[in-house]
C-alpha atoms as a PDB file:
ATOM      1  CA  MET A   1     -11.004 -16.713  18.762  1.00  0.00           C
ATOM      2  CA  LYS A   2      -9.215 -20.055  18.481  1.00  0.00           C
ATOM      3  CA  PRO A   3     -11.226 -23.289  18.815  1.00  0.00           C
ATOM      4  CA  TYR A   4     -10.261 -25.910  21.373  1.00  0.00           C
ATOM      5  CA  TYR A   5     -10.890 -28.500  18.637  1.00  0.00           C
ATOM      6  CA  ASP A   6     -11.250 -27.989  14.875  1.00  0.00           C
ATOM      7  CA  GLU A   7     -11.394 -30.914  12.489  1.00  0.00           C
ATOM      8  CA  ALA A   8     -13.560 -32.195   9.621  1.00  0.00           C
ATOM      9  CA  GLY A   9     -16.198 -29.466   9.931  1.00  0.00           C
ATOM     10  CA  ILE A  10     -16.587 -29.806  13.723  1.00  0.00           C
ATOM     11  CA  GLN A  11     -15.385 -27.145  16.153  1.00  0.00           C
ATOM     12  CA  ILE A  12     -15.385 -26.935  19.951  1.00  0.00           C
ATOM     13  CA  TYR A  13     -14.907 -23.675  21.858  1.00  0.00           C
ATOM     14  CA  HIS A  14     -14.021 -23.665  25.537  1.00  0.00           C
ATOM     15  CA  GLY A  15     -15.828 -21.052  27.618  1.00  0.00           C
ATOM     16  CA  ASP A  16     -19.189 -19.521  28.518  1.00  0.00           C
ATOM     17  CA  CYS A  17     -21.595 -19.752  25.580  1.00  0.00           C
ATOM     18  CA  ARG A  18     -23.045 -16.333  26.410  1.00  0.00           C
ATOM     19  CA  GLU A  19     -19.631 -14.786  25.833  1.00  0.00           C
ATOM     20  CA  ILE A  20     -18.456 -16.925  22.913  1.00  0.00           C
ATOM     21  CA  LEU A  21     -21.592 -17.070  20.783  1.00  0.00           C
ATOM     22  CA  PRO A  22     -21.424 -13.487  19.392  1.00  0.00           C
ATOM     23  CA  GLY A  23     -17.989 -14.196  17.877  1.00  0.00           C
ATOM     24  CA  LEU A  24     -18.879 -17.479  16.175  1.00  0.00           C
ATOM     25  CA  PRO A  25     -19.347 -18.112  12.454  1.00  0.00           C
ATOM     26  CA  GLN A  26     -22.911 -18.445  11.181  1.00  0.00           C
ATOM     27  CA  VAL A  27     -24.933 -21.339  12.540  1.00  0.00           C
ATOM     28  CA  ASP A  28     -28.305 -22.528  11.289  1.00  0.00           C
ATOM     29  CA  ALA A  29     -29.958 -24.656  13.987  1.00  0.00           C
ATOM     30  CA  VAL A  30     -29.508 -25.453  17.675  1.00  0.00           C
ATOM     31  CA  VAL A  31     -29.640 -28.992  19.054  1.00  0.00           C
ATOM     32  CA  THR A  32     -28.719 -29.023  22.720  1.00  0.00           C
ATOM     33  CA  ASP A  33     -29.098 -30.545  26.167  1.00  0.00           C
ATOM     34  CA  PRO A  34     -28.855 -27.505  28.457  1.00  0.00           C
ATOM     35  CA  PRO A  35     -28.914 -27.405  32.271  1.00  0.00           C
ATOM     36  CA  TYR A  36     -32.524 -28.149  33.172  1.00  0.00           C
ATOM     37  CA  GLY A  37     -32.816 -25.866  36.197  1.00  0.00           C
ATOM     38  CA  ILE A  38     -33.297 -28.593  38.796  1.00  0.00           C
ATOM     39  CA  ALA A  39     -30.115 -28.135  40.906  1.00  0.00           C
ATOM     40  CA  TYR A  40     -29.181 -31.738  40.207  1.00  0.00           C
ATOM     41  CA  GLU A  41     -26.582 -33.331  42.471  1.00  0.00           C
ATOM     42  CA  SER A  42     -25.587 -36.931  43.050  1.00  0.00           C
ATOM     43  CA  GLY A  43     -22.708 -39.235  43.900  1.00  0.00           C
ATOM     44  CA  TRP A  44     -22.432 -40.249  40.248  1.00  0.00           C
ATOM     45  CA  SER A  45     -18.877 -38.838  39.999  1.00  0.00           C
ATOM     46  CA  LYS A  46     -17.541 -41.857  41.899  1.00  0.00           C
ATOM     47  CA  GLU A  47     -18.320 -43.941  38.827  1.00  0.00           C
ATOM     48  CA  THR A  48     -16.525 -41.645  36.436  1.00  0.00           C
ATOM     49  CA  ARG A  49     -13.097 -40.949  37.804  1.00  0.00           C
ATOM     50  CA  GLY A  50     -14.002 -37.680  39.503  1.00  0.00           C
ATOM     51  CA  HIS A  51     -16.087 -35.911  36.862  1.00  0.00           C
ATOM     52  CA  ALA A  52     -18.510 -33.370  38.265  1.00  0.00           C
ATOM     53  CA  ALA A  53     -21.731 -34.587  39.900  1.00  0.00           C
ATOM     54  CA  LYS A  54     -23.203 -31.085  39.785  1.00  0.00           C
ATOM     55  CA  ILE A  55     -24.222 -29.310  36.576  1.00  0.00           C
ATOM     56  CA  ALA A  56     -22.967 -25.726  36.219  1.00  0.00           C
ATOM     57  CA  GLY A  57     -25.829 -23.256  35.772  1.00  0.00           C
ATOM     58  CA  ASP A  58     -28.466 -25.770  36.856  1.00  0.00           C
ATOM     59  CA  HIS A  59     -29.954 -23.528  39.574  1.00  0.00           C
ATOM     60  CA  ASP A  60     -32.618 -22.133  37.181  1.00  0.00           C
ATOM     61  CA  THR A  61     -33.750 -22.265  33.536  1.00  0.00           C
ATOM     62  CA  SER A  62     -31.898 -19.146  32.385  1.00  0.00           C
ATOM     63  CA  LEU A  63     -29.355 -21.068  30.297  1.00  0.00           C
ATOM     64  CA  ARG A  64     -32.082 -23.147  28.684  1.00  0.00           C
ATOM     65  CA  ASP A  65     -33.931 -19.957  27.836  1.00  0.00           C
ATOM     66  CA  PHE A  66     -30.748 -18.338  26.512  1.00  0.00           C
ATOM     67  CA  ALA A  67     -30.335 -21.147  23.980  1.00  0.00           C
ATOM     68  CA  ILE A  68     -33.952 -20.859  22.886  1.00  0.00           C
ATOM     69  CA  ASP A  69     -33.747 -17.068  22.617  1.00  0.00           C
ATOM     70  CA  ILE A  70     -30.916 -17.300  20.078  1.00  0.00           C
ATOM     71  CA  GLY A  71     -33.835 -17.347  17.664  1.00  0.00           C
ATOM     72  CA  LEU A  72     -32.802 -20.269  15.459  1.00  0.00           C
ATOM     73  CA  PRO A  73     -34.675 -23.506  14.844  1.00  0.00           C
ATOM     74  CA  THR A  74     -33.988 -25.278  18.130  1.00  0.00           C
ATOM     75  CA  ALA A  75     -34.362 -28.694  19.742  1.00  0.00           C
ATOM     76  CA  SER A  76     -33.772 -28.414  23.490  1.00  0.00           C
ATOM     77  CA  PHE A  77     -33.927 -31.276  25.981  1.00  0.00           C
ATOM     78  CA  ALA A  78     -35.851 -30.516  29.161  1.00  0.00           C
ATOM     79  CA  THR A  79     -37.766 -31.960  32.073  1.00  0.00           C
ATOM     80  CA  TRP A  80     -41.470 -31.744  32.873  1.00  0.00           C
ATOM     81  CA  ARG A  81     -40.514 -30.594  36.394  1.00  0.00           C
ATOM     82  CA  CYS A  82     -39.593 -27.091  35.197  1.00  0.00           C
ATOM     83  CA  THR A  83     -41.882 -24.427  33.759  1.00  0.00           C
ATOM     84  CA  PRO A  84     -42.121 -24.946  29.988  1.00  0.00           C
ATOM     85  CA  PRO A  85     -40.711 -22.237  27.722  1.00  0.00           C
ATOM     86  CA  ARG A  86     -43.135 -19.984  25.893  1.00  0.00           C
ATOM     87  CA  ARG A  87     -44.504 -20.717  22.440  1.00  0.00           C
ATOM     88  CA  PRO A  88     -42.705 -23.885  21.315  1.00  0.00           C
ATOM     89  CA  ALA A  89     -43.617 -25.227  17.888  1.00  0.00           C
ATOM     90  CA  GLY A  90     -44.077 -28.626  19.480  1.00  0.00           C
ATOM     91  CA  CYS A  91     -42.368 -31.223  21.622  1.00  0.00           C
ATOM     92  CA  LEU A  92     -40.954 -34.707  21.437  1.00  0.00           C
ATOM     93  CA  ILE A  93     -40.988 -37.309  24.184  1.00  0.00           C
ATOM     94  CA  TRP A  94     -37.986 -39.553  24.705  1.00  0.00           C
ATOM     95  CA  ASP A  95     -39.281 -42.817  26.195  1.00  0.00           C
ATOM     96  CA  LYS A  96     -36.270 -44.465  27.857  1.00  0.00           C
ATOM     97  CA  GLY A  97     -37.942 -47.818  28.376  1.00  0.00           C
ATOM     98  CA  GLU A  98     -39.069 -49.837  31.360  1.00  0.00           C
ATOM     99  CA  ASN A  99     -35.692 -50.320  33.035  1.00  0.00           C
ATOM    100  CA  VAL A 100     -34.984 -46.716  34.080  1.00  0.00           C
ATOM    101  CA  GLY A 101     -36.674 -44.119  36.267  1.00  0.00           C
ATOM    102  CA  MET A 102     -36.349 -44.171  40.046  1.00  0.00           C
ATOM    103  CA  GLY A 103     -37.779 -40.947  41.532  1.00  0.00           C
ATOM    104  CA  ASP A 104     -40.291 -41.134  44.382  1.00  0.00           C
ATOM    105  CA  LEU A 105     -40.793 -44.859  44.961  1.00  0.00           C
ATOM    106  CA  SER A 106     -44.187 -44.208  46.592  1.00  0.00           C
ATOM    107  CA  PHE A 107     -45.463 -42.844  43.257  1.00  0.00           C
ATOM    108  CA  PRO A 108     -46.748 -45.771  41.153  1.00  0.00           C
ATOM    109  CA  TRP A 109     -45.347 -44.515  37.806  1.00  0.00           C
ATOM    110  CA  LYS A 110     -41.705 -44.282  36.815  1.00  0.00           C
ATOM    111  CA  PRO A 111     -40.343 -40.948  35.498  1.00  0.00           C
ATOM    112  CA  ASN A 112     -38.750 -42.723  32.532  1.00  0.00           C
ATOM    113  CA  PHE A 113     -39.081 -40.010  29.899  1.00  0.00           C
ATOM    114  CA  GLU A 114     -37.699 -36.616  28.959  1.00  0.00           C
ATOM    115  CA  VAL A 115     -39.077 -33.773  26.873  1.00  0.00           C
ATOM    116  CA  VAL A 116     -37.468 -32.175  23.817  1.00  0.00           C
ATOM    117  CA  TRP A 117     -38.890 -28.724  23.024  1.00  0.00           C
ATOM    118  CA  ILE A 118     -38.922 -27.823  19.324  1.00  0.00           C
ATOM    119  CA  PHE A 119     -38.810 -24.214  18.129  1.00  0.00           C
ATOM    120  CA  GLY A 120     -38.708 -22.510  14.739  1.00  0.00           C
ATOM    121  CA  ASP A 121     -39.278 -23.525  11.139  1.00  0.00           C
ATOM    122  CA  GLY A 122     -37.372 -25.638   8.659  1.00  0.00           C
ATOM    123  CA  TRP A 123     -37.655 -29.024  10.353  1.00  0.00           C
ATOM    124  CA  ALA A 124     -38.335 -31.563   7.634  1.00  0.00           C
ATOM    125  CA  GLY A 125     -38.332 -35.234   6.719  1.00  0.00           C
ATOM    126  CA  ARG A 126     -40.681 -38.192   6.786  1.00  0.00           C
ATOM    127  CA  ARG A 127     -43.545 -37.652   9.227  1.00  0.00           C
ATOM    128  CA  THR A 128     -42.994 -39.987  12.191  1.00  0.00           C
ATOM    129  CA  THR A 129     -44.104 -40.379  15.792  1.00  0.00           C
ATOM    130  CA  SER A 130     -43.172 -37.687  18.292  1.00  0.00           C
ATOM    131  CA  VAL A 131     -42.440 -40.379  20.879  1.00  0.00           C
ATOM    132  CA  LEU A 132     -38.837 -41.498  20.399  1.00  0.00           C
ATOM    133  CA  ARG A 133     -38.287 -44.861  22.041  1.00  0.00           C
ATOM    134  CA  GLY A 134     -34.885 -46.223  22.932  1.00  0.00           C
ATOM    135  CA  SER A 135     -32.644 -47.117  25.832  1.00  0.00           C
ATOM    136  CA  ALA A 136     -30.587 -44.590  27.775  1.00  0.00           C
ATOM    137  CA  GLN A 137     -28.239 -47.294  29.000  1.00  0.00           C
ATOM    138  CA  VAL A 138     -24.553 -47.072  28.133  1.00  0.00           C
ATOM    139  CA  THR A 139     -23.525 -50.456  26.794  1.00  0.00           C
ATOM    140  CA  THR A 140     -21.066 -49.973  23.912  1.00  0.00           C
ATOM    141  CA  SER A 141     -19.180 -46.709  24.468  1.00  0.00           C
ATOM    142  CA  GLN A 142     -15.438 -47.291  24.185  1.00  0.00           C
ATOM    143  CA  MET A 143     -14.865 -44.580  26.811  1.00  0.00           C
ATOM    144  CA  GLY A 144     -17.512 -45.691  29.327  1.00  0.00           C
ATOM    145  CA  ARG A 145     -20.039 -43.418  30.963  1.00  0.00           C
ATOM    146  CA  LEU A 146     -18.904 -39.828  30.484  1.00  0.00           C
ATOM    147  CA  HIS A 147     -21.520 -37.426  31.875  1.00  0.00           C
ATOM    148  CA  PRO A 148     -24.242 -37.583  34.554  1.00  0.00           C
ATOM    149  CA  HIS A 149     -26.905 -36.642  31.990  1.00  0.00           C
ATOM    150  CA  GLN A 150     -25.686 -38.609  28.973  1.00  0.00           C
ATOM    151  CA  LYS A 151     -27.880 -38.697  25.912  1.00  0.00           C
ATOM    152  CA  PRO A 152     -27.616 -41.482  23.335  1.00  0.00           C
ATOM    153  CA  VAL A 153     -25.986 -40.530  20.059  1.00  0.00           C
ATOM    154  CA  TRP A 154     -28.689 -42.434  18.133  1.00  0.00           C
ATOM    155  CA  LEU A 155     -31.264 -40.070  19.668  1.00  0.00           C
ATOM    156  CA  LEU A 156     -29.320 -36.966  18.616  1.00  0.00           C
ATOM    157  CA  ARG A 157     -28.963 -38.382  15.104  1.00  0.00           C
ATOM    158  CA  THR A 158     -32.723 -38.920  14.938  1.00  0.00           C
ATOM    159  CA  ILE A 159     -33.322 -35.249  15.758  1.00  0.00           C
ATOM    160  CA  ILE A 160     -30.536 -33.810  13.591  1.00  0.00           C
ATOM    161  CA  ASN A 161     -31.806 -35.839  10.620  1.00  0.00           C
ATOM    162  CA  LYS A 162     -34.837 -33.521  10.558  1.00  0.00           C
ATOM    163  CA  ALA A 163     -33.002 -30.288  11.370  1.00  0.00           C
ATOM    164  CA  PRO A 164     -32.688 -27.492   8.793  1.00  0.00           C
ATOM    165  CA  SER A 165     -29.631 -27.700   6.549  1.00  0.00           C
ATOM    166  CA  GLY A 166     -26.428 -25.931   7.548  1.00  0.00           C
ATOM    167  CA  THR A 167     -24.320 -25.845  10.691  1.00  0.00           C
ATOM    168  CA  ILE A 168     -25.605 -27.278  13.974  1.00  0.00           C
ATOM    169  CA  LEU A 169     -24.842 -25.409  17.220  1.00  0.00           C
ATOM    170  CA  ASP A 170     -24.678 -27.003  20.663  1.00  0.00           C
ATOM    171  CA  PRO A 171     -23.983 -24.342  23.334  1.00  0.00           C
ATOM    172  CA  PHE A 172     -23.702 -27.037  26.059  1.00  0.00           C
ATOM    173  CA  VAL A 173     -21.487 -29.748  24.607  1.00  0.00           C
ATOM    174  CA  GLY A 174     -21.149 -31.999  27.652  1.00  0.00           C
ATOM    175  CA  SER A 175     -19.309 -35.057  26.432  1.00  0.00           C
ATOM    176  CA  GLY A 176     -20.134 -34.390  22.796  1.00  0.00           C
ATOM    177  CA  ALA A 177     -23.147 -36.444  21.714  1.00  0.00           C
ATOM    178  CA  THR A 178     -24.585 -33.719  19.472  1.00  0.00           C
ATOM    179  CA  LEU A 179     -21.243 -33.132  17.770  1.00  0.00           C
ATOM    180  CA  ARG A 180     -20.616 -36.862  17.393  1.00  0.00           C
ATOM    181  CA  ALA A 181     -24.068 -37.325  15.860  1.00  0.00           C
ATOM    182  CA  ALA A 182     -23.521 -34.413  13.473  1.00  0.00           C
ATOM    183  CA  LYS A 183     -20.187 -35.856  12.376  1.00  0.00           C
ATOM    184  CA  ASP A 184     -21.759 -39.281  11.822  1.00  0.00           C
ATOM    185  CA  LEU A 185     -24.335 -37.621   9.548  1.00  0.00           C
ATOM    186  CA  GLY A 186     -21.777 -35.539   7.649  1.00  0.00           C
ATOM    187  CA  ARG A 187     -23.048 -32.268   9.131  1.00  0.00           C
ATOM    188  CA  ASN A 188     -20.920 -29.314  10.206  1.00  0.00           C
ATOM    189  CA  ALA A 189     -21.306 -28.424  13.868  1.00  0.00           C
ATOM    190  CA  ILE A 190     -20.017 -26.001  16.479  1.00  0.00           C
ATOM    191  CA  GLY A 191     -20.053 -26.703  20.191  1.00  0.00           C
ATOM    192  CA  ILE A 192     -19.320 -24.636  23.287  1.00  0.00           C
ATOM    193  CA  GLU A 193     -18.442 -26.084  26.683  1.00  0.00           C
ATOM    194  CA  LEU A 194     -17.636 -24.338  29.963  1.00  0.00           C
ATOM    195  CA  ASP A 195     -15.788 -27.257  31.585  1.00  0.00           C
ATOM    196  CA  GLU A 196     -12.461 -28.015  29.897  1.00  0.00           C
ATOM    197  CA  ARG A 197     -12.615 -31.652  31.052  1.00  0.00           C
ATOM    198  CA  TYR A 198     -15.651 -32.166  28.845  1.00  0.00           C
ATOM    199  CA  CYS A 199     -14.004 -30.335  25.948  1.00  0.00           C
ATOM    200  CA  GLU A 200     -11.259 -32.947  26.141  1.00  0.00           C
ATOM    201  CA  ILE A 201     -13.725 -35.832  26.373  1.00  0.00           C
ATOM    202  CA  ALA A 202     -15.745 -34.557  23.418  1.00  0.00           C
ATOM    203  CA  ALA A 203     -12.602 -34.062  21.338  1.00  0.00           C
ATOM    204  CA  LYS A 204     -11.536 -37.647  22.035  1.00  0.00           C
ATOM    205  CA  ARG A 205     -14.943 -38.959  20.992  1.00  0.00           C
ATOM    206  CA  LEU A 206     -14.815 -36.995  17.771  1.00  0.00           C
ATOM    207  CA  SER A 207     -11.389 -38.448  17.023  1.00  0.00           C
ATOM    208  CA  GLN A 208     -12.790 -41.985  17.111  1.00  0.00           C
ATOM    209  CA  GLU A 209     -13.487 -42.839  13.484  1.00  0.00           C
ATOM    210  CA  ALA A 210     -15.439 -45.991  14.221  1.00  0.00           C
ATOM    211  CA  PHE A 211     -18.803 -45.404  15.875  1.00  0.00           C
ATOM    212  CA  ASP A 212     -21.669 -47.496  17.128  1.00  0.00           C
ATOM    213  CA  PHE A 213     -25.249 -46.532  16.296  1.00  0.00           C
ATOM    214  CA  ARG A 214     -26.222 -47.076  19.938  1.00  0.00           C
ATOM    215  CA  SER A 215     -23.287 -45.273  21.593  1.00  0.00           C
ATOM    216  CA  SER A 216     -24.150 -42.674  24.226  1.00  0.00           C
ATOM    217  CA  ARG A 217     -23.436 -39.152  25.392  1.00  0.00           C
END
């Protein structure tokens, strides 16, 4: 099976992760932002030169659960709106700050956070807060906003810094934040992406040698 991209310890495979994963080399931890299961749809694509406003596989949590059921130490982004997975080791909260979070305007609290479910053993490092605070805004990316559910690369680096040693797997690459963060940290990583447009975007991001510690997914 030939990778779409293969350079400096980072590989991208184009296709369905459920089909590609059995043929991959060994991986040691999963850090991913899977479809949440909320049937998300918006007009966001108008801002991004026609990229998809819908998320493939977002009709339920089966893809999220597939990533967790791989059985490796896993960090999986999620939303409180969906049923939590069973038996996580813990969770992190990403606090996006005061300037985000629309939702139901009649509800007097903004939904300005996301959950990261943590599974498995081997997570290590200095003991710090489980509330990770930092902006979700895209301000410095050379390529602009790339995905409707972008995650900041600094946030992925923060998580990967405490991941078990070895190769990081992201079964839902999107525009490549996890792979970019792994490369910045000198970690090997393998990503899988169903949409070839995002394979191309992720490959371009990985080819940029200069990076900004607040660039975004």
